[in-house]
Amino acid sequence: MPKIIIDNNKCIACGSCYAMYPEVFEAGNDGKCYVKDHDHKKYNYSKNEIINTCPVGAIDIED
């Protein structure tokens, strides 16, 4: 199963990830991105699309 890793030191709380992929990400109390479900494949989301959504490169996915 894939593992989504968020670097919260890089995250700027722009909201792109949870706006585009609400099944996978959610906003924390600080507005930053948190993983809700690591299995992005069950929603037919591609690894590269998710990674490229973040403007500061805070998202990585290990297969």
PDB file of N, CA and C in Angstrom:
ATOM      1  N   MET A   1       0.849  -1.181   0.000  1.00  0.00           N
ATOM      2  CA  MET A   1       0.000   0.000   0.000  1.00  0.00           C
ATOM      3  C   MET A   1       0.889   1.238   0.000  1.00  0.00           C
ATOM      4  N   PRO A   2       0.502   2.261  -0.754  1.00  0.00           N
ATOM      5  CA  PRO A   2       1.296   3.486  -0.782  1.00  0.00           C
ATOM      6  C   PRO A   2       1.265   4.217   0.557  1.00  0.00           C
ATOM      7  N   LYS A   3       2.289   4.999   0.785  1.00  0.00           N
ATOM      8  CA  LYS A   3       2.344   5.831   1.980  1.00  0.00           C
ATOM      9  C   LYS A   3       2.579   7.267   1.531  1.00  0.00           C
ATOM     10  N   ILE A   4       1.663   8.147   1.893  1.00  0.00           N
ATOM     11  CA  ILE A   4       1.772   9.566   1.550  1.00  0.00           C
ATOM     12  C   ILE A   4       2.473  10.274   2.707  1.00  0.00           C
ATOM     13  N   ILE A   5       3.490  11.038   2.354  1.00  0.00           N
ATOM     14  CA  ILE A   5       4.278  11.745   3.360  1.00  0.00           C
ATOM     15  C   ILE A   5       4.134  13.241   3.124  1.00  0.00           C
ATOM     16  N   ILE A   6       3.780  13.962   4.180  1.00  0.00           N
ATOM     17  CA  ILE A   6       3.641  15.417   4.121  1.00  0.00           C
ATOM     18  C   ILE A   6       4.757  16.041   4.955  1.00  0.00           C
ATOM     19  N   ASP A   7       5.510  16.929   4.347  1.00  0.00           N
ATOM     20  CA  ASP A   7       6.514  17.689   5.088  1.00  0.00           C
ATOM     21  C   ASP A   7       5.839  18.967   5.576  1.00  0.00           C
ATOM     22  N   ASN A   8       5.377  18.955   6.819  1.00  0.00           N
ATOM     23  CA  ASN A   8       4.639  20.104   7.341  1.00  0.00           C
ATOM     24  C   ASN A   8       5.516  21.325   7.580  1.00  0.00           C
ATOM     25  N   ASN A   9       6.833  21.148   7.511  1.00  0.00           N
ATOM     26  CA  ASN A   9       7.724  22.311   7.569  1.00  0.00           C
ATOM     27  C   ASN A   9       7.685  23.072   6.250  1.00  0.00           C
ATOM     28  N   LYS A  10       7.402  22.371   5.156  1.00  0.00           N
ATOM     29  CA  LYS A  10       7.288  23.009   3.837  1.00  0.00           C
ATOM     30  C   LYS A  10       5.870  23.495   3.544  1.00  0.00           C
ATOM     31  N   CYS A  11       4.880  22.830   4.104  1.00  0.00           N
ATOM     32  CA  CYS A  11       3.476  23.123   3.807  1.00  0.00           C
ATOM     33  C   CYS A  11       3.140  24.578   4.147  1.00  0.00           C
ATOM     34  N   ILE A  12       2.510  25.259   3.197  1.00  0.00           N
ATOM     35  CA  ILE A  12       2.130  26.664   3.396  1.00  0.00           C
ATOM     36  C   ILE A  12       0.615  26.835   3.590  1.00  0.00           C
ATOM     37  N   ALA A  13      -0.083  25.722   3.763  1.00  0.00           N
ATOM     38  CA  ALA A  13      -1.527  25.733   4.018  1.00  0.00           C
ATOM     39  C   ALA A  13      -2.320  26.406   2.901  1.00  0.00           C
ATOM     40  N   CYS A  14      -1.912  26.159   1.665  1.00  0.00           N
ATOM     41  CA  CYS A  14      -2.604  26.779   0.523  1.00  0.00           C
ATOM     42  C   CYS A  14      -3.952  26.108   0.236  1.00  0.00           C
ATOM     43  N   GLY A  15      -4.091  24.834   0.621  1.00  0.00           N
ATOM     44  CA  GLY A  15      -5.357  24.135   0.447  1.00  0.00           C
ATOM     45  C   GLY A  15      -5.527  23.396  -0.863  1.00  0.00           C
ATOM     46  N   SER A  16      -4.553  23.457  -1.744  1.00  0.00           N
ATOM     47  CA  SER A  16      -4.676  22.789  -3.046  1.00  0.00           C
ATOM     48  C   SER A  16      -4.916  21.297  -2.912  1.00  0.00           C
ATOM     49  N   CYS A  17      -4.187  20.662  -2.025  1.00  0.00           N
ATOM     50  CA  CYS A  17      -4.266  19.205  -1.900  1.00  0.00           C
ATOM     51  C   CYS A  17      -5.646  18.752  -1.428  1.00  0.00           C
ATOM     52  N   TYR A  18      -6.153  19.348  -0.376  1.00  0.00           N
ATOM     53  CA  TYR A  18      -7.456  18.876   0.115  1.00  0.00           C
ATOM     54  C   TYR A  18      -8.615  19.413  -0.713  1.00  0.00           C
ATOM     55  N   ALA A  19      -8.403  20.455  -1.478  1.00  0.00           N
ATOM     56  CA  ALA A  19      -9.434  20.912  -2.416  1.00  0.00           C
ATOM     57  C   ALA A  19      -9.547  19.951  -3.602  1.00  0.00           C
ATOM     58  N   MET A  20      -8.405  19.488  -4.094  1.00  0.00           N
ATOM     59  CA  MET A  20      -8.381  18.601  -5.263  1.00  0.00           C
ATOM     60  C   MET A  20      -8.638  17.136  -4.903  1.00  0.00           C
ATOM     61  N   TYR A  21      -8.205  16.740  -3.723  1.00  0.00           N
ATOM     62  CA  TYR A  21      -8.280  15.328  -3.320  1.00  0.00           C
ATOM     63  C   TYR A  21      -8.868  15.190  -1.916  1.00  0.00           C
ATOM     64  N   PRO A  22     -10.137  15.540  -1.750  1.00  0.00           N
ATOM     65  CA  PRO A  22     -10.742  15.559  -0.409  1.00  0.00           C
ATOM     66  C   PRO A  22     -10.864  14.183   0.245  1.00  0.00           C
ATOM     67  N   GLU A  23     -10.826  13.129  -0.543  1.00  0.00           N
ATOM     68  CA  GLU A  23     -10.884  11.787   0.038  1.00  0.00           C
ATOM     69  C   GLU A  23      -9.541  11.389   0.659  1.00  0.00           C
ATOM     70  N   VAL A  24      -8.473  12.028   0.207  1.00  0.00           N
ATOM     71  CA  VAL A  24      -7.119  11.657   0.609  1.00  0.00           C
ATOM     72  C   VAL A  24      -6.552  12.603   1.679  1.00  0.00           C
ATOM     73  N   PHE A  25      -6.865  13.893   1.574  1.00  0.00           N
ATOM     74  CA  PHE A  25      -6.293  14.886   2.477  1.00  0.00           C
ATOM     75  C   PHE A  25      -7.369  15.653   3.227  1.00  0.00           C
ATOM     76  N   GLU A  26      -6.953  16.216   4.358  1.00  0.00           N
ATOM     77  CA  GLU A  26      -7.830  17.099   5.123  1.00  0.00           C
ATOM     78  C   GLU A  26      -6.984  18.206   5.732  1.00  0.00           C
ATOM     79  N   ALA A  27      -7.638  19.282   6.096  1.00  0.00           N
ATOM     80  CA  ALA A  27      -6.946  20.395   6.741  1.00  0.00           C
ATOM     81  C   ALA A  27      -6.919  20.168   8.240  1.00  0.00           C
ATOM     82  N   GLY A  28      -5.773  20.439   8.818  1.00  0.00           N
ATOM     83  CA  GLY A  28      -5.666  20.393  10.268  1.00  0.00           C
ATOM     84  C   GLY A  28      -6.127  21.708  10.869  1.00  0.00           C
ATOM     85  N   ASN A  29      -6.106  21.796  12.177  1.00  0.00           N
ATOM     86  CA  ASN A  29      -6.494  23.036  12.862  1.00  0.00           C
ATOM     87  C   ASN A  29      -5.598  24.205  12.468  1.00  0.00           C
ATOM     88  N   ASP A  30      -4.380  23.880  12.037  1.00  0.00           N
ATOM     89  CA  ASP A  30      -3.435  24.906  11.608  1.00  0.00           C
ATOM     90  C   ASP A  30      -3.575  25.245  10.124  1.00  0.00           C
ATOM     91  N   GLY A  31      -4.541  24.600   9.433  1.00  0.00           N
ATOM     92  CA  GLY A  31      -4.762  24.839   8.018  1.00  0.00           C
ATOM     93  C   GLY A  31      -3.847  24.030   7.114  1.00  0.00           C
ATOM     94  N   LYS A  32      -2.888  23.334   7.716  1.00  0.00           N
ATOM     95  CA  LYS A  32      -1.945  22.547   6.936  1.00  0.00           C
ATOM     96  C   LYS A  32      -2.560  21.203   6.558  1.00  0.00           C
ATOM     97  N   CYS A  33      -1.942  20.581   5.583  1.00  0.00           N
ATOM     98  CA  CYS A  33      -2.415  19.329   5.003  1.00  0.00           C
ATOM     99  C   CYS A  33      -2.080  18.132   5.892  1.00  0.00           C
ATOM    100  N   TYR A  34      -3.051  17.248   6.048  1.00  0.00           N
ATOM    101  CA  TYR A  34      -2.854  15.980   6.749  1.00  0.00           C
ATOM    102  C   TYR A  34      -3.485  14.874   5.925  1.00  0.00           C
ATOM    103  N   VAL A  35      -2.896  13.688   6.002  1.00  0.00           N
ATOM    104  CA  VAL A  35      -3.386  12.556   5.229  1.00  0.00           C
ATOM    105  C   VAL A  35      -4.595  11.946   5.931  1.00  0.00           C
ATOM    106  N   LYS A  36      -5.661  11.790   5.159  1.00  0.00           N
ATOM    107  CA  LYS A  36      -6.883  11.150   5.643  1.00  0.00           C
ATOM    108  C   LYS A  36      -6.898   9.687   5.228  1.00  0.00           C
ATOM    109  N   ASP A  37      -6.418   9.391   4.020  1.00  0.00           N
ATOM    110  CA  ASP A  37      -6.392   8.026   3.488  1.00  0.00           C
ATOM    111  C   ASP A  37      -5.189   7.877   2.564  1.00  0.00           C
ATOM    112  N   HIS A  38      -4.263   7.020   2.922  1.00  0.00           N
ATOM    113  CA  HIS A  38      -3.040   6.820   2.131  1.00  0.00           C
ATOM    114  C   HIS A  38      -3.298   6.125   0.798  1.00  0.00           C
ATOM    115  N   ASP A  39      -4.397   5.403   0.676  1.00  0.00           N
ATOM    116  CA  ASP A  39      -4.656   4.597  -0.524  1.00  0.00           C
ATOM    117  C   ASP A  39      -5.303   5.428  -1.633  1.00  0.00           C
ATOM    118  N   HIS A  40      -4.516   6.308  -2.235  1.00  0.00           N
ATOM    119  CA  HIS A  40      -5.017   7.189  -3.294  1.00  0.00           C
ATOM    120  C   HIS A  40      -5.456   6.413  -4.529  1.00  0.00           C
ATOM    121  N   LYS A  41      -4.921   5.218  -4.715  1.00  0.00           N
ATOM    122  CA  LYS A  41      -5.231   4.428  -5.905  1.00  0.00           C
ATOM    123  C   LYS A  41      -6.696   4.002  -5.952  1.00  0.00           C
ATOM    124  N   LYS A  42      -7.309   3.797  -4.800  1.00  0.00           N
ATOM    125  CA  LYS A  42      -8.715   3.372  -4.811  1.00  0.00           C
ATOM    126  C   LYS A  42      -9.649   4.480  -5.298  1.00  0.00           C
ATOM    127  N   TYR A  43      -9.147   5.698  -5.351  1.00  0.00           N
ATOM    128  CA  TYR A  43      -9.930   6.827  -5.885  1.00  0.00           C
ATOM    129  C   TYR A  43      -9.494   7.183  -7.312  1.00  0.00           C
ATOM    130  N   ASN A  44      -8.613   6.365  -7.876  1.00  0.00           N
ATOM    131  CA  ASN A  44      -8.075   6.562  -9.225  1.00  0.00           C
ATOM    132  C   ASN A  44      -7.285   7.859  -9.372  1.00  0.00           C
ATOM    133  N   TYR A  45      -6.616   8.275  -8.289  1.00  0.00           N
ATOM    134  CA  TYR A  45      -5.735   9.435  -8.346  1.00  0.00           C
ATOM    135  C   TYR A  45      -4.323   8.947  -8.619  1.00  0.00           C
ATOM    136  N   SER A  46      -3.631   9.620  -9.525  1.00  0.00           N
ATOM    137  CA  SER A  46      -2.266   9.213  -9.832  1.00  0.00           C
ATOM    138  C   SER A  46      -1.281   9.861  -8.853  1.00  0.00           C
ATOM    139  N   LYS A  47      -0.227   9.131  -8.615  1.00  0.00           N
ATOM    140  CA  LYS A  47       0.833   9.587  -7.715  1.00  0.00           C
ATOM    141  C   LYS A  47       1.385  10.938  -8.166  1.00  0.00           C
ATOM    142  N   ASN A  48       1.718  11.048  -9.441  1.00  0.00           N
ATOM    143  CA  ASN A  48       2.318  12.284  -9.945  1.00  0.00           C
ATOM    144  C   ASN A  48       1.368  13.469  -9.887  1.00  0.00           C
ATOM    145  N   GLU A  49       0.097  13.249 -10.160  1.00  0.00           N
ATOM    146  CA  GLU A  49      -0.884  14.345 -10.068  1.00  0.00           C
ATOM    147  C   GLU A  49      -0.947  14.888  -8.644  1.00  0.00           C
ATOM    148  N   ILE A  50      -0.973  13.984  -7.679  1.00  0.00           N
ATOM    149  CA  ILE A  50      -1.042  14.415  -6.275  1.00  0.00           C
ATOM    150  C   ILE A  50       0.212  15.181  -5.889  1.00  0.00           C
ATOM    151  N   ILE A  51       1.375  14.618  -6.201  1.00  0.00           N
ATOM    152  CA  ILE A  51       2.644  15.260  -5.849  1.00  0.00           C
ATOM    153  C   ILE A  51       2.743  16.646  -6.490  1.00  0.00           C
ATOM    154  N   ASN A  52       2.339  16.758  -7.744  1.00  0.00           N
ATOM    155  CA  ASN A  52       2.450  18.025  -8.466  1.00  0.00           C
ATOM    156  C   ASN A  52       1.416  19.069  -8.058  1.00  0.00           C
ATOM    157  N   THR A  53       0.420  18.679  -7.293  1.00  0.00           N
ATOM    158  CA  THR A  53      -0.575  19.626  -6.809  1.00  0.00           C
ATOM    159  C   THR A  53       0.020  20.625  -5.821  1.00  0.00           C
ATOM    160  N   CYS A  54       1.018  20.185  -5.078  1.00  0.00           N
ATOM    161  CA  CYS A  54       1.614  21.046  -4.051  1.00  0.00           C
ATOM    162  C   CYS A  54       2.617  22.022  -4.669  1.00  0.00           C
ATOM    163  N   PRO A  55       2.391  23.320  -4.517  1.00  0.00           N
ATOM    164  CA  PRO A  55       3.287  24.313  -5.126  1.00  0.00           C
ATOM    165  C   PRO A  55       4.664  24.400  -4.475  1.00  0.00           C
ATOM    166  N   VAL A  56       4.805  23.846  -3.260  1.00  0.00           N
ATOM    167  CA  VAL A  56       6.097  23.924  -2.562  1.00  0.00           C
ATOM    168  C   VAL A  56       6.752  22.564  -2.387  1.00  0.00           C
ATOM    169  N   GLY A  57       6.185  21.526  -2.990  1.00  0.00           N
ATOM    170  CA  GLY A  57       6.798  20.207  -2.938  1.00  0.00           C
ATOM    171  C   GLY A  57       6.767  19.528  -1.581  1.00  0.00           C
ATOM    172  N   ALA A  58       5.697  19.751  -0.840  1.00  0.00           N
ATOM    173  CA  ALA A  58       5.599  19.162   0.505  1.00  0.00           C
ATOM    174  C   ALA A  58       5.028  17.757   0.515  1.00  0.00           C
ATOM    175  N   ILE A  59       4.574  17.251  -0.631  1.00  0.00           N
ATOM    176  CA  ILE A  59       3.954  15.934  -0.697  1.00  0.00           C
ATOM    177  C   ILE A  59       4.884  14.958  -1.410  1.00  0.00           C
ATOM    178  N   ASP A  60       5.053  13.771  -0.824  1.00  0.00           N
ATOM    179  CA  ASP A  60       5.782  12.688  -1.454  1.00  0.00           C
ATOM    180  C   ASP A  60       4.978  11.406  -1.232  1.00  0.00           C
ATOM    181  N   ILE A  61       5.119  10.467  -2.126  1.00  0.00           N
ATOM    182  CA  ILE A  61       4.395   9.197  -2.008  1.00  0.00           C
ATOM    183  C   ILE A  61       5.360   8.047  -2.221  1.00  0.00           C
ATOM    184  N   GLU A  62       5.418   7.160  -1.243  1.00  0.00           N
ATOM    185  CA  GLU A  62       6.214   5.938  -1.346  1.00  0.00           C
ATOM    186  C   GLU A  62       5.285   4.810  -1.734  1.00  0.00           C
ATOM    187  N   ASP A  63       5.666   4.070  -2.766  1.00  0.00           N
ATOM    188  CA  ASP A  63       4.848   2.919  -3.184  1.00  0.00           C
ATOM    189  C   ASP A  63       5.221   1.682  -2.398  1.00  0.00           C
TER     190      ASP A  63
END
